[in-house]
Amino acid sequence: MSEERFFAPCPRGLEVPLAAELAALGASAVAPTDGGVAFEGPLALAYAANLESRLASRVLWRVGSGRYRDERDVHALAKSIPWPRYFRGDRTLRVDVAATRSPLTSLEFATLTVKDAVCDRFRADTGTRPSVDKRAPDVRVHVHLTADAATVYLDTSGEPLFKRGWRRDTEAAPLRENLAAGLLLLAGWRVGEPLLDPMCGSGTIAIEAALLAANRAPGLGRTFGFQKLAWYDGPTWQRMRQKAQDRVVAPPRHATVFASDLEAGAVAKCTSNATAAGVGAFLAIERADVLARAAPAPSGVLVSNPPYGARLSERQRLAQFYPRLGDALKQHFAGWHAWLLSGDPELAKRIGLRVARRIPLYNGAIECRLYGIPLVAGRHGPRAASADAAH
């Protein structure tokens, strides 16, 4: 089996754990880079990576690369690729071009150039050409331009992989599913250990934990872009999918994944999302105020994405909330380890607890930190720590 070359983009900050995840799936020549991981393997690896990866945003299959100076070079490179070998002319097409320090003045024109080249190659080889569908295309072509090199990929994922297939609400969640999975990994949480998100919103973090607890592959409930490509092998894919389905475990008698929120609407949304994801029985969900609720177990891992405000009025409200959150964690969660994601650099200062780790991450375009806070009984904040040291 020949080795193909792939690239899996991911949320920035998760490149190293994604590299380890892909290596565990059998990828070779695994190379983390800023914003994703390059790797190699047989075409069937694209099935496995799409089905099993909790951290990747897409799995892109590399079909061409070359040097360029202008749009004509880009057109020539794109036209040199034997597109009819990869997908049928009656498939709909979308082209996306991204660039880092490219000399081209218009990415829009570069996108049009690549689309024309694909259609020109189809017309020359088959007399037909694919039509464009920007909203729900069968096939997506991605081109990445650097200062002098162009790389062309076919997307094997289709919809981004953070779309697990269970979310019914149309508005964008404040936290993407693959970043939520990354938080659990970085927090060192292990299945069977109590886990709580006390500000759960629509439930993304808790549902990712429940998927892990169920041993349920994140892509089990959706379709993929590779199913529209010429090399798609239905029976091989069905066998792989069935194997993943057979691996799913029954829910425990007592859930160890807990979620709560002050808003009744958030609790209802979290409940319906967990049911749609097939993991409702793995979760204990309740309405509760994080500032007043008790810990669901003597020790465990708390992972949450507390609110961080963009507007001044929100920031002023949060400036009062964070110290109260620190007090609540101190009072009710001694023996736990808290991990809080925030795009507000003031959080660590205002929460009044000793931050043991700060892990840089990006939530979309927002630069964040994942703050690791051990909640050891009797040791809170710098004052308590210095008092302890004096004894």
Protein backbone atom coordinates (compact mmCIF):
# COMPACT_ATOMS: atom_id res chain seq x y z
CA MET A 1 0.00 0.00 0.00
CA SER A 2 1.44 3.35 -1.02
CA GLU A 3 1.89 6.05 1.62
CA GLU A 4 -0.26 9.14 1.05
CA ARG A 5 0.43 12.54 2.59
CA PHE A 6 -2.15 14.25 4.79
CA PHE A 7 -2.54 17.38 6.90
CA ALA A 8 -4.92 17.72 9.84
CA PRO A 9 -5.57 21.29 11.05
CA CYS A 10 -6.62 21.70 14.69
CA PRO A 11 -7.20 24.44 17.29
CA ARG A 12 -3.85 26.13 17.98
CA GLY A 13 -2.31 24.70 21.13
CA LEU A 14 -3.50 21.13 20.45
CA GLU A 15 -0.88 20.22 17.81
CA VAL A 16 1.23 17.96 20.06
CA PRO A 17 -1.69 15.94 21.51
CA LEU A 18 -3.16 15.61 17.98
CA ALA A 19 0.18 14.25 16.74
CA ALA A 20 0.09 11.60 19.50
CA GLU A 21 -3.53 10.75 18.64
CA LEU A 22 -2.72 10.29 14.93
CA ALA A 23 0.36 8.19 15.72
CA ALA A 24 -1.85 5.92 17.87
CA LEU A 25 -4.14 5.47 14.82
CA GLY A 26 -1.17 4.22 12.79
CA ALA A 27 0.02 7.41 11.09
CA SER A 28 3.72 7.66 10.16
CA ALA A 29 6.04 10.65 9.58
CA VAL A 30 3.91 12.59 12.09
CA ALA A 31 5.05 16.23 12.21
CA PRO A 32 3.25 18.85 14.34
CA THR A 33 3.42 22.36 12.93
CA ASP A 34 1.69 25.63 13.84
CA GLY A 35 -2.06 25.03 13.49
CA GLY A 36 -2.00 21.33 12.61
CA VAL A 37 -0.16 18.07 11.98
CA ALA A 38 1.31 16.63 8.77
CA PHE A 39 1.33 12.82 8.57
CA GLU A 40 1.49 9.88 6.17
CA GLY A 41 -0.30 6.58 5.72
CA PRO A 42 -2.52 4.54 3.39
CA LEU A 43 -5.77 6.05 2.10
CA ALA A 44 -7.72 3.93 4.61
CA LEU A 45 -6.06 5.99 7.36
CA ALA A 46 -8.28 8.89 6.24
CA TYR A 47 -11.33 6.79 7.25
CA ALA A 48 -9.85 6.06 10.69
CA ALA A 49 -8.66 9.63 11.35
CA ASN A 50 -12.05 11.11 10.45
CA LEU A 51 -13.94 8.56 12.53
CA GLU A 52 -11.69 8.51 15.59
CA SER A 53 -9.90 11.88 15.94
CA ARG A 54 -11.29 13.98 18.76
CA LEU A 55 -8.86 16.86 18.15
CA ALA A 56 -8.54 17.39 14.36
CA SER A 57 -10.66 20.01 12.57
CA ARG A 58 -10.31 18.28 9.16
CA VAL A 59 -8.26 15.61 7.43
CA LEU A 60 -6.82 16.98 4.18
CA TRP A 61 -5.32 14.66 1.54
CA ARG A 62 -2.39 16.21 -0.33
CA VAL A 63 -2.81 15.86 -4.12
CA GLY A 64 -0.26 18.36 -5.48
CA SER A 65 2.37 20.96 -4.65
CA GLY A 66 4.82 23.21 -6.44
CA ARG A 67 6.56 26.57 -6.61
CA TYR A 68 4.69 29.60 -7.93
CA ARG A 69 5.23 33.28 -8.63
CA ASP A 70 1.82 34.38 -9.87
CA GLU A 71 -1.74 33.22 -10.62
CA ARG A 72 -0.67 31.58 -13.89
CA ASP A 73 1.64 29.24 -11.99
CA VAL A 74 -1.15 28.40 -9.54
CA HIS A 75 -3.50 27.67 -12.46
CA ALA A 76 -0.88 25.43 -14.13
CA LEU A 77 -0.27 23.49 -10.90
CA ALA A 78 -3.99 22.98 -10.24
CA LYS A 79 -4.61 21.93 -13.88
CA SER A 80 -1.75 19.38 -13.74
CA ILE A 81 -3.62 17.37 -11.07
CA PRO A 82 -5.69 14.46 -12.54
CA TRP A 83 -8.97 15.54 -10.89
CA PRO A 84 -11.25 13.08 -12.78
CA ARG A 85 -9.27 10.27 -11.14
CA TYR A 86 -10.31 11.60 -7.72
CA PHE A 87 -14.01 12.48 -8.13
CA ARG A 88 -16.80 12.43 -10.71
CA GLY A 89 -17.68 15.44 -12.85
CA ASP A 90 -21.28 15.47 -11.58
CA ARG A 91 -20.09 16.22 -8.03
CA THR A 92 -20.48 19.79 -6.77
CA LEU A 93 -17.31 21.69 -5.86
CA ARG A 94 -16.03 24.34 -3.48
CA VAL A 95 -12.51 25.81 -3.48
CA ASP A 96 -10.91 27.50 -0.46
CA VAL A 97 -7.54 29.28 -0.58
CA ALA A 98 -5.56 30.27 2.54
CA ALA A 99 -2.25 32.11 2.45
CA THR A 100 0.74 32.90 4.64
CA ARG A 101 2.93 35.75 3.27
CA SER A 102 1.73 35.12 -0.31
CA PRO A 103 2.68 37.74 -2.96
CA LEU A 104 -0.75 37.35 -4.62
CA THR A 105 -2.88 40.46 -4.16
CA SER A 106 -6.31 38.78 -4.20
CA LEU A 107 -7.14 35.44 -2.58
CA GLU A 108 -10.57 35.72 -4.20
CA PHE A 109 -8.96 35.76 -7.64
CA ALA A 110 -6.65 32.88 -6.64
CA THR A 111 -9.73 30.87 -5.58
CA LEU A 112 -11.37 31.55 -8.95
CA THR A 113 -8.13 30.58 -10.71
CA VAL A 114 -8.03 27.17 -8.96
CA LYS A 115 -11.73 26.55 -9.64
CA ASP A 116 -11.20 27.33 -13.35
CA ALA A 117 -8.17 25.01 -13.47
CA VAL A 118 -10.14 22.09 -11.97
CA CYS A 119 -12.98 22.67 -14.45
CA ASP A 120 -10.51 23.04 -17.36
CA ARG A 121 -8.91 19.70 -16.50
CA PHE A 122 -12.33 17.99 -16.29
CA ARG A 123 -13.40 19.47 -19.66
CA ALA A 124 -10.12 18.39 -21.31
CA ASP A 125 -10.32 14.82 -19.92
CA THR A 126 -14.06 14.09 -19.87
CA GLY A 127 -15.94 16.85 -21.72
CA THR A 128 -17.89 17.61 -18.52
CA ARG A 129 -17.19 19.87 -15.54
CA PRO A 130 -18.31 20.04 -11.90
CA SER A 131 -20.62 22.86 -10.83
CA VAL A 132 -19.88 25.08 -7.84
CA ASP A 133 -21.82 24.86 -4.57
CA LYS A 134 -20.35 27.04 -1.82
CA ARG A 135 -22.91 26.06 0.84
CA ALA A 136 -23.06 22.24 0.77
CA PRO A 137 -20.52 20.95 -1.77
CA ASP A 138 -19.83 17.27 -2.43
CA VAL A 139 -16.08 17.95 -2.80
CA ARG A 140 -13.88 20.61 -1.21
CA VAL A 141 -10.48 21.61 -2.59
CA HIS A 142 -8.15 23.47 -0.21
CA VAL A 143 -5.07 25.35 -1.37
CA HIS A 144 -2.42 26.71 0.97
CA LEU A 145 -0.03 29.37 -0.35
CA THR A 146 3.23 30.38 1.31
CA ALA A 147 5.64 33.02 -0.05
CA ASP A 148 6.64 30.82 -3.00
CA ALA A 149 4.99 27.36 -2.64
CA ALA A 150 1.43 26.15 -3.23
CA THR A 151 0.02 22.94 -1.74
CA VAL A 152 -3.27 21.49 -2.99
CA TYR A 153 -5.46 19.23 -0.86
CA LEU A 154 -8.72 17.34 -1.23
CA ASP A 155 -10.81 17.47 1.93
CA THR A 156 -11.71 13.98 3.21
CA SER A 157 -13.88 15.34 6.05
CA GLY A 158 -16.60 17.47 4.44
CA GLU A 159 -18.15 19.34 7.34
CA PRO A 160 -15.48 20.24 9.95
CA LEU A 161 -14.80 17.37 12.35
CA PHE A 162 -15.81 19.37 15.42
CA LYS A 163 -19.34 18.97 14.02
CA ARG A 164 -19.97 15.56 15.56
CA GLY A 165 -23.46 15.35 14.11
CA TRP A 166 -25.46 15.73 17.32
CA ARG A 167 -25.82 19.50 17.69
CA ARG A 168 -29.32 20.60 16.70
CA ASP A 169 -29.06 24.31 17.56
CA THR A 170 -27.89 26.44 14.66
CA GLU A 171 -26.10 29.19 16.59
CA ALA A 172 -22.36 28.74 17.05
CA ALA A 173 -21.36 27.20 20.38
CA PRO A 174 -18.89 29.25 22.46
CA LEU A 175 -16.62 26.20 22.51
CA ARG A 176 -15.97 23.81 19.62
CA GLU A 177 -16.14 20.11 20.34
CA ASN A 178 -12.52 19.35 19.40
CA LEU A 179 -11.24 22.11 21.70
CA ALA A 180 -13.45 20.72 24.51
CA ALA A 181 -11.90 17.27 23.94
CA GLY A 182 -8.47 18.91 24.07
CA LEU A 183 -9.27 20.53 27.44
CA LEU A 184 -10.13 17.12 28.92
CA LEU A 185 -6.88 15.67 27.57
CA LEU A 186 -4.74 18.56 28.84
CA ALA A 187 -6.48 18.36 32.23
CA GLY A 188 -5.34 14.73 32.50
CA TRP A 189 -8.88 13.48 33.15
CA ARG A 190 -9.32 9.71 33.01
CA VAL A 191 -12.56 7.83 32.32
CA GLY A 192 -14.12 6.71 35.62
CA GLU A 193 -12.79 9.71 37.55
CA PRO A 194 -15.53 12.19 38.58
CA LEU A 195 -15.71 15.11 36.15
CA LEU A 196 -17.82 18.25 36.54
CA ASP A 197 -18.55 21.24 34.34
CA PRO A 198 -20.52 23.55 36.69
CA MET A 199 -21.10 26.22 33.99
CA CYS A 200 -22.00 23.75 31.25
CA GLY A 201 -24.03 25.92 28.83
CA SER A 202 -25.08 23.65 25.96
CA GLY A 203 -22.92 20.86 27.42
CA THR A 204 -20.00 20.60 25.01
CA ILE A 205 -17.30 19.71 27.59
CA ALA A 206 -19.49 17.24 29.50
CA ILE A 207 -20.72 15.57 26.28
CA GLU A 208 -17.12 15.12 25.03
CA ALA A 209 -16.31 13.51 28.41
CA ALA A 210 -19.38 11.27 28.10
CA LEU A 211 -18.32 10.21 24.56
CA LEU A 212 -14.96 9.17 26.04
CA ALA A 213 -16.71 7.34 28.90
CA ALA A 214 -18.90 5.51 26.37
CA ASN A 215 -15.82 4.68 24.24
CA ARG A 216 -17.85 6.15 21.39
CA ALA A 217 -15.92 7.36 18.32
CA PRO A 218 -16.67 11.07 17.78
CA GLY A 219 -17.50 10.55 14.08
CA LEU A 220 -19.93 7.68 14.56
CA GLY A 221 -23.04 9.81 14.02
CA ARG A 222 -22.13 11.61 10.76
CA THR A 223 -21.04 11.33 7.13
CA PHE A 224 -17.74 12.42 5.58
CA GLY A 225 -16.30 14.01 2.45
CA PHE A 226 -14.35 10.87 1.47
CA GLN A 227 -17.69 9.16 0.76
CA LYS A 228 -17.91 11.35 -2.39
CA LEU A 229 -14.39 10.57 -3.63
CA ALA A 230 -13.58 7.96 -6.30
CA TRP A 231 -11.47 5.77 -3.98
CA TYR A 232 -14.22 5.41 -1.39
CA ASP A 233 -14.67 1.74 -0.55
CA GLY A 234 -18.12 1.29 1.03
CA PRO A 235 -17.61 -2.20 2.50
CA THR A 236 -14.24 -1.27 4.09
CA TRP A 237 -15.79 1.85 5.64
CA GLN A 238 -18.85 -0.05 6.92
CA ARG A 239 -16.64 -2.68 8.57
CA MET A 240 -14.59 0.05 10.26
CA ARG A 241 -17.72 1.86 11.39
CA GLN A 242 -19.30 -1.35 12.72
CA LYS A 243 -16.14 -2.15 14.69
CA ALA A 244 -16.34 1.30 16.31
CA GLN A 245 -20.05 0.76 17.03
CA ASP A 246 -19.34 -2.62 18.67
CA ARG A 247 -16.77 -0.96 20.94
CA VAL A 248 -19.33 1.34 22.61
CA VAL A 249 -19.86 0.37 26.26
CA ALA A 250 -23.08 0.32 28.29
CA PRO A 251 -23.65 3.24 30.69
CA PRO A 252 -22.56 2.75 34.32
CA ARG A 253 -25.12 2.41 37.12
CA HIS A 254 -23.95 5.74 38.51
CA ALA A 255 -22.71 8.47 36.16
CA THR A 256 -19.27 9.93 36.86
CA VAL A 257 -19.68 12.84 34.41
CA PHE A 258 -21.61 15.75 35.94
CA ALA A 259 -22.91 18.97 34.37
CA SER A 260 -24.83 21.88 35.84
CA ASP A 261 -25.80 25.44 35.00
CA LEU A 262 -27.76 28.23 36.66
CA GLU A 263 -29.87 28.78 33.52
CA ALA A 264 -32.80 26.38 33.05
CA GLY A 265 -32.52 26.84 29.26
CA ALA A 266 -28.87 25.71 29.31
CA VAL A 267 -29.76 22.61 31.36
CA ALA A 268 -32.54 21.71 28.87
CA LYS A 269 -30.18 22.23 25.91
CA CYS A 270 -27.41 20.19 27.53
CA THR A 271 -29.89 17.36 28.21
CA SER A 272 -31.25 17.28 24.65
CA ASN A 273 -27.74 17.51 23.15
CA ALA A 274 -26.50 14.62 25.31
CA THR A 275 -29.47 12.50 24.18
CA ALA A 276 -28.81 13.39 20.51
CA ALA A 277 -25.13 12.40 20.99
CA GLY A 278 -26.25 9.00 22.32
CA VAL A 279 -24.67 9.56 25.75
CA GLY A 280 -27.57 10.85 27.87
CA ALA A 281 -27.25 7.92 30.30
CA PHE A 282 -23.55 8.71 30.91
CA LEU A 283 -24.31 12.18 32.30
CA ALA A 284 -25.90 13.54 35.47
CA ILE A 285 -27.26 17.00 34.61
CA GLU A 286 -28.88 19.43 37.05
CA ARG A 287 -29.74 23.06 37.52
CA ALA A 288 -27.37 24.59 40.08
CA ASP A 289 -25.46 27.79 40.79
CA VAL A 290 -21.69 27.27 40.62
CA LEU A 291 -21.31 29.70 43.53
CA ALA A 292 -23.49 27.54 45.80
CA ARG A 293 -23.40 23.94 44.54
CA ALA A 294 -21.64 21.12 46.39
CA ALA A 295 -19.02 18.86 44.84
CA PRO A 296 -20.58 15.62 43.50
CA ALA A 297 -17.68 13.52 44.88
CA PRO A 298 -14.85 13.96 47.43
CA SER A 299 -12.31 14.44 44.62
CA GLY A 300 -12.32 14.79 40.86
CA VAL A 301 -11.59 17.08 37.94
CA LEU A 302 -13.54 20.29 37.26
CA VAL A 303 -13.24 21.56 33.67
CA SER A 304 -15.15 24.64 32.58
CA ASN A 305 -15.25 27.59 30.22
CA PRO A 306 -16.47 30.41 32.49
CA PRO A 307 -17.87 33.54 30.85
CA TYR A 308 -15.39 36.15 29.68
CA GLY A 309 -16.80 39.43 28.45
CA ALA A 310 -15.98 41.48 25.38
CA ARG A 311 -18.00 44.54 26.43
CA LEU A 312 -16.97 46.83 29.28
CA SER A 313 -20.22 46.23 31.23
CA GLU A 314 -19.63 42.46 31.07
CA ARG A 315 -16.02 42.83 32.20
CA GLN A 316 -17.12 44.90 35.20
CA ARG A 317 -19.68 42.23 36.16
CA LEU A 318 -17.08 39.47 35.78
CA ALA A 319 -14.56 41.42 37.87
CA GLN A 320 -17.00 40.82 40.74
CA PHE A 321 -17.85 37.24 39.70
CA TYR A 322 -14.31 35.80 39.53
CA PRO A 323 -13.37 36.40 43.21
CA ARG A 324 -16.71 34.84 44.24
CA LEU A 325 -15.99 31.87 41.95
CA GLY A 326 -12.58 31.45 43.63
CA ASP A 327 -14.23 31.49 47.07
CA ALA A 328 -16.84 28.90 45.99
CA LEU A 329 -14.19 26.55 44.59
CA LYS A 330 -12.16 26.95 47.79
CA GLN A 331 -15.17 26.21 50.03
CA HIS A 332 -16.84 23.39 48.11
CA PHE A 333 -14.18 21.67 46.00
CA ALA A 334 -11.18 20.99 48.26
CA GLY A 335 -9.55 17.81 46.94
CA TRP A 336 -10.48 18.59 43.33
CA HIS A 337 -8.34 19.94 40.48
CA ALA A 338 -9.95 22.80 38.54
CA TRP A 339 -9.13 23.67 34.92
CA LEU A 340 -10.64 26.91 33.66
CA LEU A 341 -10.39 28.16 30.07
CA SER A 342 -10.47 31.93 29.74
CA GLY A 343 -9.74 34.62 27.19
CA ASP A 344 -9.65 37.13 30.04
CA PRO A 345 -6.08 37.51 31.38
CA GLU A 346 -7.53 39.10 34.55
CA LEU A 347 -9.16 35.78 35.58
CA ALA A 348 -5.98 34.34 37.07
CA LYS A 349 -5.43 37.52 39.09
CA ARG A 350 -9.00 37.93 40.29
CA ILE A 351 -9.86 34.34 41.17
CA GLY A 352 -7.51 34.49 44.17
CA LEU A 353 -6.28 30.88 43.90
CA ARG A 354 -2.83 29.52 43.17
CA VAL A 355 -2.55 28.76 39.43
CA ALA A 356 -0.18 25.82 38.93
CA ARG A 357 -0.29 25.74 35.12
CA ARG A 358 -1.11 28.13 32.28
CA ILE A 359 -1.50 26.44 28.89
CA PRO A 360 -1.85 28.76 25.85
CA LEU A 361 -4.74 27.84 23.53
CA TYR A 362 -6.94 29.50 20.93
CA ASN A 363 -10.73 29.34 20.98
CA GLY A 364 -11.28 30.30 17.33
CA ALA A 365 -9.45 33.62 17.01
CA ILE A 366 -9.53 34.33 20.76
CA GLU A 367 -6.21 33.82 22.54
CA CYS A 368 -6.93 31.95 25.78
CA ARG A 369 -5.21 30.24 28.67
CA LEU A 370 -6.20 26.97 30.33
CA TYR A 371 -5.55 27.59 34.01
CA GLY A 372 -4.79 24.53 36.16
CA ILE A 373 -5.72 25.16 39.79
CA PRO A 374 -5.17 22.42 42.41
CA LEU A 375 -7.79 22.88 45.13
CA VAL A 376 -5.89 21.42 48.07
CA ALA A 377 -7.68 21.72 51.40
CA GLY A 378 -6.28 24.58 53.48
CA ARG A 379 -4.01 25.98 50.72
CA HIS A 380 -5.56 28.83 48.82
CA GLY A 381 -4.03 31.91 47.32
CA PRO A 382 -0.58 33.35 47.92
CA ARG A 383 -1.44 34.56 51.45
CA ALA A 384 -2.46 31.09 52.69
CA ALA A 385 0.60 29.56 51.01
CA SER A 386 2.97 32.01 52.74
CA ALA A 387 1.21 31.42 56.07
CA ASP A 388 1.72 27.66 55.61
CA ALA A 389 5.39 28.26 54.84
CA ALA A 390 5.80 30.19 58.09
CA HIS A 391 4.73 27.19 60.22
